[in-house]
Amino acid sequence: MPPPPISLADTAGLFSAELPARIEQGFERRALAPRIGVVLILLLGALADYGHGERTGHWVVLGAYGLVTLLAAAGARARSERVRSWLPLAATCADAAIAVYVVADHVPRYSGEAHLATDAVSLLPAYLFLLQTGMRLRPRLAALFAALVAAGWATALALLLDPARLGPDGAHVLVRQGMGLAAFAVASGFVVSTTAWMRAAAAAALRAGEERLMLSRFLPDGVATEVVRTGGTASVAERHATLLSVDLRGSSALARAYPPALSIAWLLEFRRLVHDAVTTHGGVVDKYVGDGVLALFLDGDAGEQAGRALAAAEAMLDTLTALNRERSRAGRPTLRVIAALHCGPVLAGVFDDGRRAEFTVLGTVMNDLSRIERRAKEEDLDVVASADVLRRFGADAPERLAPRSLPPSGETTLPRLFALRLGAAERPAEKGGRGLPSASPSIVTDPGSVP
């Protein structure tokens, strides 16, 4: 049985699982600062013989923890995956052990030592390492550290604290020690819960960033951000779009007349040309279909979309003109394209059936576009736009477009169509080619009046 499909929205667990490994990169190196701080505290305690225990014991603990600190830093550079995987657990246990030692070393045993119960020196390692462990964004590891320290603290109180030896201050010291342990337990709960929340938030941010990076190869920044923010299939919604279809004319004849390698190279050259023109003007290449390219313009209002689509088509034709000059000089056949523009409401977003996710658009506008392209081929025109596209420009339509109304076709549902003259595009000479007729009385001088 094949594994169940993983959709865009199901990747949260995967990113959450790999997040600690990313955070662990260089963590032990960054953790050297707080560990060195604790080593200095232990060093001062050993020099001053502060707390309980023999002076020799202080130096032994200091040396052992210093060694653990060095081993943790060295282990982070180890090539063994097994060593690196066990390092966080080993470091956490070592940190918990030293925190318990410092707390136990400051548990008052006689009446003259009551001040040790609230000494900041005794509490600093426990809280410092609790926060440091939480920074790993591993809630279970933070909970383990808290449990080890709390258990060690409680055991030290049970074994070392004797209220009878403390005299009149015994009950007061016992209450303060109990309150200190309770405060640590509350702080631990807060750190563990915050670590869990930050882990989920960081995983979501990491997932969104990588998804946006992946989608930005195919979508404009605004669209990619929206797709990530709304979570894949949830982003499918009705919106206005301007569509640009570009078809390479005569590709079948080229394939028959030239070797396959050359035909494919020229097809890829055509695709790159269209892709660069579209993406430069804020569009997205939706798909390649044989020798055709479908581009979408989704950002901005309807007028901005139409302007970008028209600018992309014009840039494409200008680049193609320059390319054809080079091809002619090199003795290669020139390329000719047909561009069709249409706009209207579409369903746009990531359509994910559980097997494959694809960003595309659906709607009657798509169906109309294919028929507009077919009409352009029948009329042997270079650029054809629907009245819906021209209407978006109003009275500000560039005069160089010289829109010429095409005679109505037999398809009643097809919008009015106009042949356009874009840029300085030079149409390749073709035997029997009719080309784009020159200006005539049928030219529309005010596209805003197009019905």
Protein backbone atom coordinates (compact mmCIF):
# COMPACT_ATOMS: atom_id res chain seq x y z
CA MET A 1 0.00 0.00 0.00
CA PRO A 2 1.47 3.40 -0.95
CA PRO A 3 2.10 5.89 1.85
CA PRO A 4 -0.60 8.48 2.43
CA PRO A 5 -0.07 11.71 0.53
CA ILE A 6 1.34 14.75 2.29
CA SER A 7 -0.27 18.04 1.37
CA LEU A 8 1.03 21.56 1.89
CA ALA A 9 -0.94 21.92 5.11
CA ASP A 10 0.39 18.63 6.57
CA THR A 11 4.04 19.70 6.76
CA ALA A 12 3.84 21.42 10.16
CA GLY A 13 4.87 18.24 11.99
CA LEU A 14 7.81 17.70 9.67
CA PHE A 15 9.17 21.21 10.23
CA SER A 16 8.52 20.94 13.98
CA ALA A 17 10.49 17.70 14.11
CA GLU A 18 13.52 19.10 12.27
CA LEU A 19 13.45 22.46 14.06
CA PRO A 20 15.55 21.38 17.11
CA ALA A 21 18.28 20.03 14.83
CA ARG A 22 18.51 23.42 13.15
CA ILE A 23 18.61 25.24 16.46
CA GLU A 24 21.27 22.85 17.83
CA GLN A 25 23.64 23.99 15.09
CA GLY A 26 26.13 26.09 17.01
CA PHE A 27 24.04 25.98 20.22
CA GLU A 28 26.81 24.55 22.40
CA ARG A 29 29.14 27.28 21.20
CA ARG A 30 26.60 29.95 22.14
CA ALA A 31 25.96 28.18 25.46
CA LEU A 32 29.60 28.61 26.48
CA ALA A 33 28.92 32.09 27.86
CA PRO A 34 26.46 31.10 30.64
CA ARG A 35 28.48 27.98 31.43
CA ILE A 36 31.65 30.01 31.78
CA GLY A 37 29.70 32.33 34.09
CA VAL A 38 28.80 29.39 36.33
CA VAL A 39 32.39 28.16 36.21
CA LEU A 40 33.50 31.58 37.49
CA ILE A 41 30.96 31.35 40.33
CA LEU A 42 32.30 27.93 41.27
CA LEU A 43 35.85 29.28 41.04
CA LEU A 44 35.08 32.13 43.40
CA GLY A 45 33.36 29.71 45.76
CA ALA A 46 36.37 27.43 45.69
CA LEU A 47 38.77 30.30 46.34
CA ALA A 48 36.67 31.67 49.21
CA ASP A 49 35.62 28.26 50.49
CA TYR A 50 32.06 29.60 50.33
CA GLY A 51 29.13 27.38 51.20
CA HIS A 52 29.52 23.91 52.75
CA GLY A 53 31.81 21.04 52.02
CA GLU A 54 35.54 20.78 51.92
CA ARG A 55 37.67 23.09 49.81
CA THR A 56 38.84 20.02 47.87
CA GLY A 57 35.21 19.25 46.95
CA HIS A 58 34.76 22.68 45.43
CA TRP A 59 37.80 22.22 43.22
CA VAL A 60 36.73 18.73 42.16
CA VAL A 61 33.28 19.98 41.15
CA LEU A 62 34.81 22.99 39.41
CA GLY A 63 37.21 20.80 37.44
CA ALA A 64 34.49 18.28 36.54
CA TYR A 65 32.09 20.91 35.28
CA GLY A 66 34.84 22.72 33.39
CA LEU A 67 35.65 19.42 31.68
CA VAL A 68 31.99 18.86 30.83
CA THR A 69 31.81 22.35 29.34
CA LEU A 70 34.81 21.66 27.12
CA LEU A 71 33.46 18.24 26.09
CA ALA A 72 30.10 19.79 25.17
CA ALA A 73 31.81 22.36 22.98
CA ALA A 74 33.96 19.66 21.35
CA GLY A 75 30.99 17.32 20.90
CA ALA A 76 29.16 19.96 18.91
CA ARG A 77 31.95 19.70 16.32
CA ALA A 78 31.96 15.91 16.24
CA ARG A 79 31.27 14.24 12.93
CA SER A 80 29.39 11.38 14.55
CA GLU A 81 25.64 11.88 14.24
CA ARG A 82 25.16 9.68 17.30
CA VAL A 83 27.37 11.91 19.45
CA ARG A 84 25.56 15.04 18.31
CA SER A 85 22.16 13.48 18.91
CA TRP A 86 22.99 12.54 22.51
CA LEU A 87 24.83 15.77 23.31
CA PRO A 88 21.73 17.86 24.27
CA LEU A 89 20.59 15.21 26.75
CA ALA A 90 24.06 14.80 28.26
CA ALA A 91 24.57 18.56 28.55
CA THR A 92 21.15 19.00 30.17
CA CYS A 93 21.87 16.31 32.77
CA ALA A 94 25.28 17.85 33.52
CA ASP A 95 23.70 21.30 33.90
CA ALA A 96 21.05 19.87 36.24
CA ALA A 97 23.71 18.12 38.33
CA ILE A 98 25.76 21.27 38.82
CA ALA A 99 22.62 23.32 39.60
CA VAL A 100 21.62 20.77 42.28
CA TYR A 101 25.14 20.78 43.71
CA VAL A 102 25.16 24.57 44.08
CA VAL A 103 21.69 24.56 45.70
CA ALA A 104 22.64 21.74 48.09
CA ASP A 105 25.91 23.48 48.95
CA HIS A 106 23.92 26.47 50.18
CA VAL A 107 21.30 24.66 52.24
CA PRO A 108 21.66 26.04 55.82
CA ARG A 109 22.69 23.47 58.41
CA TYR A 110 23.39 25.61 61.46
CA SER A 111 21.91 28.79 62.89
CA GLY A 112 24.79 30.93 61.67
CA GLU A 113 24.20 29.93 58.05
CA ALA A 114 20.59 31.02 57.60
CA HIS A 115 21.69 33.66 55.10
CA LEU A 116 22.73 30.96 52.65
CA ALA A 117 19.11 29.97 52.09
CA THR A 118 18.34 33.06 50.05
CA ASP A 119 21.76 33.67 48.55
CA ALA A 120 21.50 34.57 44.87
CA VAL A 121 24.57 32.44 44.20
CA SER A 122 22.61 29.31 45.07
CA LEU A 123 19.73 30.13 42.70
CA LEU A 124 21.55 31.56 39.69
CA PRO A 125 22.74 28.28 38.05
CA ALA A 126 19.31 26.65 38.34
CA TYR A 127 17.44 29.55 36.71
CA LEU A 128 20.19 30.31 34.21
CA PHE A 129 20.35 26.74 32.95
CA LEU A 130 16.55 26.47 32.94
CA LEU A 131 16.34 29.38 30.52
CA GLN A 132 19.25 28.05 28.47
CA THR A 133 17.63 24.62 28.15
CA GLY A 134 14.38 26.26 27.10
CA MET A 135 16.25 28.04 24.32
CA ARG A 136 16.76 24.68 22.66
CA LEU A 137 12.98 24.71 21.97
CA ARG A 138 12.69 21.16 23.28
CA PRO A 139 9.91 21.16 25.86
CA ARG A 140 10.66 17.62 27.03
CA LEU A 141 14.30 18.48 27.62
CA ALA A 142 13.31 21.59 29.60
CA ALA A 143 10.84 19.52 31.63
CA LEU A 144 13.56 16.91 32.31
CA PHE A 145 15.95 19.60 33.55
CA ALA A 146 13.27 21.09 35.80
CA ALA A 147 12.34 17.68 37.18
CA LEU A 148 15.97 16.74 37.93
CA VAL A 149 16.68 20.04 39.67
CA ALA A 150 13.42 20.01 41.66
CA ALA A 151 14.00 16.40 42.75
CA GLY A 152 17.61 17.13 43.70
CA TRP A 153 16.59 20.30 45.54
CA ALA A 154 13.87 18.47 47.50
CA THR A 155 16.26 15.62 48.31
CA ALA A 156 18.89 18.07 49.56
CA LEU A 157 16.33 19.74 51.82
CA ALA A 158 15.18 16.40 53.17
CA LEU A 159 18.70 15.16 53.89
CA LEU A 160 20.55 18.31 54.89
CA LEU A 161 18.03 20.71 56.42
CA ASP A 162 17.44 20.12 60.14
CA PRO A 163 15.22 22.84 61.69
CA ALA A 164 16.35 21.79 65.18
CA ARG A 165 19.93 22.75 64.41
CA LEU A 166 18.87 26.13 63.09
CA GLY A 167 17.39 27.23 66.39
CA PRO A 168 14.65 29.90 66.39
CA ASP A 169 15.11 30.53 62.66
CA GLY A 170 14.52 26.90 61.69
CA ALA A 171 10.85 27.18 60.75
CA HIS A 172 11.45 30.43 58.90
CA VAL A 173 14.35 28.94 56.93
CA LEU A 174 12.26 25.88 56.09
CA VAL A 175 9.45 28.09 54.74
CA ARG A 176 11.87 30.14 52.65
CA GLN A 177 13.47 27.03 51.20
CA GLY A 178 10.04 25.58 50.40
CA MET A 179 8.97 28.86 48.78
CA GLY A 180 12.18 28.89 46.75
CA LEU A 181 11.50 25.38 45.50
CA ALA A 182 7.87 26.26 44.70
CA ALA A 183 8.99 29.39 42.83
CA PHE A 184 11.38 27.30 40.77
CA ALA A 185 8.59 24.83 39.97
CA VAL A 186 6.31 27.67 38.80
CA ALA A 187 9.09 29.22 36.72
CA SER A 188 9.81 25.82 35.22
CA GLY A 189 6.20 25.35 34.20
CA PHE A 190 6.20 28.75 32.55
CA VAL A 191 9.47 28.04 30.68
CA VAL A 192 8.29 24.61 29.52
CA SER A 193 4.95 25.93 28.26
CA THR A 194 6.61 28.93 26.61
CA THR A 195 9.15 26.62 24.99
CA ALA A 196 6.35 24.50 23.53
CA TRP A 197 4.59 27.61 22.18
CA MET A 198 7.80 29.07 20.74
CA ARG A 199 8.63 25.74 19.12
CA ALA A 200 5.28 25.65 17.35
CA ALA A 201 5.58 29.32 16.33
CA ALA A 202 9.15 28.91 15.08
CA ALA A 203 8.20 25.78 13.12
CA ALA A 204 5.31 27.64 11.51
CA ALA A 205 7.57 30.58 10.64
CA LEU A 206 10.22 28.24 9.26
CA ARG A 207 7.64 26.38 7.20
CA ALA A 208 6.13 29.62 5.90
CA GLY A 209 9.54 31.01 4.99
CA GLU A 210 10.59 27.92 3.08
CA GLU A 211 7.22 27.59 1.37
CA ARG A 212 7.35 31.24 0.38
CA LEU A 213 10.90 30.78 -0.91
CA MET A 214 9.76 27.79 -2.96
CA LEU A 215 6.65 29.51 -4.28
CA SER A 216 8.50 32.72 -5.07
CA ARG A 217 10.19 30.87 -7.93
CA PHE A 218 6.80 30.62 -9.59
CA LEU A 219 4.62 33.33 -8.08
CA PRO A 220 4.91 37.09 -7.48
CA ASP A 221 5.83 38.04 -3.91
CA GLY A 222 2.32 39.17 -3.04
CA VAL A 223 0.68 36.00 -4.31
CA ALA A 224 3.30 33.73 -2.72
CA THR A 225 2.83 35.43 0.65
CA GLU A 226 -0.95 35.09 0.41
CA VAL A 227 -0.75 31.40 -0.50
CA VAL A 228 1.50 30.69 2.50
CA ARG A 229 -0.57 32.83 4.86
CA THR A 230 -3.84 31.14 3.95
CA GLY A 231 -2.41 27.65 4.00
CA GLY A 232 -2.42 26.04 0.59
CA THR A 233 -5.84 24.93 -0.59
CA ALA A 234 -7.53 27.44 1.71
CA SER A 235 -6.18 30.16 -0.59
CA VAL A 236 -8.46 29.12 -3.49
CA ALA A 237 -10.80 32.05 -3.95
CA GLU A 238 -12.46 34.08 -6.65
CA ARG A 239 -10.42 37.05 -7.76
CA HIS A 240 -9.84 39.15 -10.84
CA ALA A 241 -7.00 38.17 -13.15
CA THR A 242 -5.59 39.19 -16.50
CA LEU A 243 -4.44 36.26 -18.63
CA LEU A 244 -1.79 36.29 -21.33
CA SER A 245 -1.47 33.35 -23.69
CA VAL A 246 1.55 33.18 -25.97
CA ASP A 247 1.86 30.56 -28.71
CA LEU A 248 4.89 29.82 -30.87
CA ARG A 249 3.71 29.69 -34.48
CA GLY A 250 5.10 27.14 -36.91
CA SER A 251 6.75 24.97 -34.26
CA SER A 252 5.56 21.79 -35.99
CA ALA A 253 7.12 22.92 -39.28
CA LEU A 254 10.38 23.71 -37.47
CA ALA A 255 10.35 20.28 -35.85
CA ARG A 256 9.94 18.63 -39.24
CA ALA A 257 12.61 20.71 -40.95
CA TYR A 258 15.33 20.70 -38.28
CA PRO A 259 16.94 18.16 -35.94
CA PRO A 260 15.07 17.57 -32.65
CA ALA A 261 17.90 19.03 -30.57
CA LEU A 262 17.67 22.35 -32.42
CA SER A 263 13.87 22.45 -32.23
CA ILE A 264 13.97 21.84 -28.48
CA ALA A 265 16.68 24.46 -27.98
CA TRP A 266 14.61 27.05 -29.86
CA LEU A 267 11.49 26.12 -27.89
CA LEU A 268 13.36 26.58 -24.60
CA GLU A 269 14.72 29.89 -25.85
CA PHE A 270 11.16 30.99 -26.56
CA ARG A 271 10.03 29.90 -23.10
CA ARG A 272 12.82 31.82 -21.39
CA LEU A 273 11.98 34.90 -23.41
CA VAL A 274 8.32 34.80 -22.34
CA HIS A 275 9.14 33.90 -18.74
CA ASP A 276 11.53 36.83 -18.34
CA ALA A 277 9.05 39.30 -19.84
CA VAL A 278 6.19 38.04 -17.65
CA THR A 279 8.05 37.86 -14.33
CA THR A 280 9.75 41.21 -14.89
CA HIS A 281 6.31 42.81 -15.05
CA GLY A 282 4.87 41.12 -11.95
CA GLY A 283 3.20 38.16 -13.63
CA VAL A 284 3.55 34.44 -13.10
CA VAL A 285 3.95 31.70 -15.69
CA ASP A 286 1.13 29.34 -14.85
CA LYS A 287 2.05 26.51 -17.19
CA TYR A 288 3.75 25.46 -20.39
CA VAL A 289 1.58 23.52 -22.82
CA GLY A 290 3.55 22.25 -25.77
CA ASP A 291 4.71 25.33 -27.64
CA GLY A 292 2.41 27.64 -25.67
CA VAL A 293 2.77 29.60 -22.44
CA LEU A 294 -0.01 30.72 -20.11
CA ALA A 295 0.80 33.68 -17.85
CA LEU A 296 -1.28 35.19 -15.05
CA PHE A 297 -1.35 38.70 -13.63
CA LEU A 298 -3.01 38.70 -10.22
CA ASP A 299 -1.44 41.54 -8.24
CA GLY A 300 -3.08 44.95 -8.05
CA ASP A 301 -6.44 46.10 -9.33
CA ALA A 302 -7.87 45.24 -12.75
CA GLY A 303 -6.29 48.25 -14.43
CA GLU A 304 -2.84 47.51 -13.01
CA GLN A 305 -3.12 43.89 -14.07
CA ALA A 306 -4.03 44.83 -17.63
CA GLY A 307 -1.17 47.34 -17.79
CA ARG A 308 1.36 44.77 -16.61
CA ALA A 309 0.11 42.12 -19.00
CA LEU A 310 0.26 44.55 -21.92
CA ALA A 311 3.76 45.70 -20.90
CA ALA A 312 4.90 42.08 -20.66
CA ALA A 313 3.54 41.30 -24.13
CA GLU A 314 5.21 44.40 -25.55
CA ALA A 315 8.55 43.58 -23.89
CA MET A 316 8.33 40.03 -25.16
CA LEU A 317 7.72 41.19 -28.75
CA ASP A 318 10.52 43.75 -28.59
CA THR A 319 12.94 41.10 -27.34
CA LEU A 320 11.73 38.69 -29.99
CA THR A 321 12.36 41.32 -32.67
CA ALA A 322 15.96 41.72 -31.54
CA LEU A 323 16.36 37.96 -31.30
CA ASN A 324 15.01 37.46 -34.82
CA ARG A 325 17.55 39.93 -36.18
CA GLU A 326 20.33 37.85 -34.64
CA ARG A 327 18.78 34.63 -35.96
CA SER A 328 18.53 36.07 -39.45
CA ARG A 329 22.18 37.11 -39.42
CA ALA A 330 23.11 33.61 -38.24
CA GLY A 331 21.04 31.99 -40.99
CA ARG A 332 18.51 30.50 -38.58
CA PRO A 333 14.74 30.71 -39.09
CA THR A 334 12.97 33.55 -37.32
CA LEU A 335 10.33 32.89 -34.70
CA ARG A 336 6.79 34.20 -34.67
CA VAL A 337 4.34 34.25 -31.78
CA ILE A 338 0.68 34.97 -31.24
CA ALA A 339 -0.36 36.66 -28.00
CA ALA A 340 -3.91 36.73 -26.65
CA LEU A 341 -5.08 38.81 -23.66
CA HIS A 342 -8.27 38.45 -21.68
CA CYS A 343 -9.39 39.24 -18.14
CA GLY A 344 -12.17 38.55 -15.70
CA PRO A 345 -13.07 36.69 -12.49
CA VAL A 346 -11.33 33.36 -11.91
CA LEU A 347 -10.87 30.83 -9.14
CA ALA A 348 -7.19 31.18 -8.26
CA GLY A 349 -5.09 29.33 -5.72
CA VAL A 350 -3.29 26.11 -4.90
CA PHE A 351 -5.36 23.12 -5.96
CA ASP A 352 -4.16 20.11 -3.99
CA ASP A 353 -5.77 16.71 -4.61
CA GLY A 354 -3.46 14.92 -2.19
CA ARG A 355 -1.22 13.68 -4.99
CA ARG A 356 -0.03 16.93 -6.53
CA ALA A 357 -0.39 20.59 -5.60
CA GLU A 358 -0.60 23.15 -8.39
CA PHE A 359 -1.16 26.88 -8.41
CA THR A 360 -3.49 27.75 -11.28
CA VAL A 361 -6.74 29.45 -12.21
CA LEU A 362 -10.08 28.07 -13.34
CA GLY A 363 -13.15 29.67 -14.87
CA THR A 364 -14.91 30.67 -18.05
CA VAL A 365 -12.25 33.30 -18.68
CA MET A 366 -9.78 30.47 -19.27
CA ASN A 367 -12.12 28.85 -21.79
CA ASP A 368 -12.63 32.18 -23.56
CA LEU A 369 -8.87 32.73 -23.77
CA SER A 370 -8.33 29.53 -25.75
CA ARG A 371 -11.04 30.59 -28.20
CA ILE A 372 -9.50 34.08 -28.50
CA GLU A 373 -6.17 32.49 -29.34
CA ARG A 374 -7.83 30.28 -31.94
CA ARG A 375 -9.49 33.33 -33.49
CA ALA A 376 -6.11 35.10 -33.62
CA LYS A 377 -4.68 32.15 -35.53
CA GLU A 378 -7.59 32.16 -37.94
CA GLU A 379 -7.12 35.88 -38.61
CA ASP A 380 -3.32 35.45 -38.78
CA LEU A 381 -2.74 38.22 -36.19
CA ASP A 382 0.12 38.81 -33.77
CA VAL A 383 -1.67 40.30 -30.75
CA VAL A 384 -5.37 40.10 -29.92
CA ALA A 385 -7.07 41.46 -26.80
CA SER A 386 -10.63 41.26 -25.60
CA ALA A 387 -12.81 44.31 -25.07
CA ASP A 388 -12.67 43.51 -21.33
CA VAL A 389 -8.92 44.15 -21.31
CA LEU A 390 -9.13 47.39 -23.30
CA ARG A 391 -11.93 48.63 -21.07
CA ARG A 392 -9.55 48.53 -18.08
CA PHE A 393 -7.48 51.31 -19.62
CA GLY A 394 -10.38 53.68 -20.19
CA ALA A 395 -9.32 56.88 -21.94
CA ASP A 396 -5.68 56.30 -20.90
CA ALA A 397 -5.02 53.49 -23.40
CA PRO A 398 -1.69 54.01 -25.16
CA GLU A 399 -2.24 55.42 -28.66
CA ARG A 400 0.39 53.08 -30.05
CA LEU A 401 -1.99 50.14 -29.51
CA ALA A 402 -4.13 51.23 -32.50
CA PRO A 403 -6.86 48.73 -31.56
CA ARG A 404 -8.73 47.43 -34.60
CA SER A 405 -12.06 45.76 -34.02
CA LEU A 406 -12.42 42.28 -35.48
CA PRO A 407 -15.65 41.27 -37.18
CA PRO A 408 -18.02 39.29 -34.95
CA SER A 409 -17.59 35.54 -34.96
CA GLY A 410 -20.25 32.90 -34.82
CA GLU A 411 -19.63 32.39 -31.10
CA THR A 412 -22.11 34.59 -29.32
CA THR A 413 -20.53 34.13 -25.90
CA LEU A 414 -17.12 35.37 -27.05
CA PRO A 415 -16.41 39.03 -26.15
CA ARG A 416 -15.52 41.61 -28.77
CA LEU A 417 -11.94 41.23 -29.94
CA PHE A 418 -9.36 43.76 -31.09
CA ALA A 419 -6.09 43.42 -32.96
CA LEU A 420 -3.32 45.45 -31.34
CA ARG A 421 -0.04 46.86 -32.58
CA LEU A 422 2.53 46.59 -29.78
CA GLY A 423 5.96 48.18 -29.60
CA ALA A 424 8.33 48.09 -32.51
CA ALA A 425 7.81 44.42 -33.19
CA GLU A 426 8.73 43.40 -36.68
CA ARG A 427 6.77 40.51 -37.98
CA PRO A 428 8.89 37.90 -39.76
CA ALA A 429 8.31 37.84 -43.49
CA GLU A 430 6.14 34.94 -44.52
CA LYS A 431 5.03 33.93 -47.91
CA GLY A 432 1.36 34.72 -48.13
CA GLY A 433 1.33 36.27 -44.65
CA ARG A 434 -1.32 38.91 -44.33
CA GLY A 435 0.15 40.64 -41.31
CA LEU A 436 -1.59 43.21 -39.17
CA PRO A 437 -3.54 45.64 -41.36
CA SER A 438 -2.63 49.29 -41.06
CA ALA A 439 -4.81 51.89 -39.40
CA SER A 440 -8.22 52.26 -40.93
CA PRO A 441 -11.53 53.95 -40.13
CA SER A 442 -12.43 50.90 -38.00
CA ILE A 443 -9.74 51.74 -35.48
CA VAL A 444 -11.15 52.48 -32.00
CA THR A 445 -9.88 55.83 -30.80
CA ASP A 446 -11.50 55.65 -27.36
CA PRO A 447 -11.18 52.16 -25.84
CA GLY A 448 -13.13 53.40 -22.83
CA SER A 449 -16.21 53.45 -25.02
CA VAL A 450 -15.84 49.77 -25.93
CA PRO A 451 -19.12 48.04 -25.03
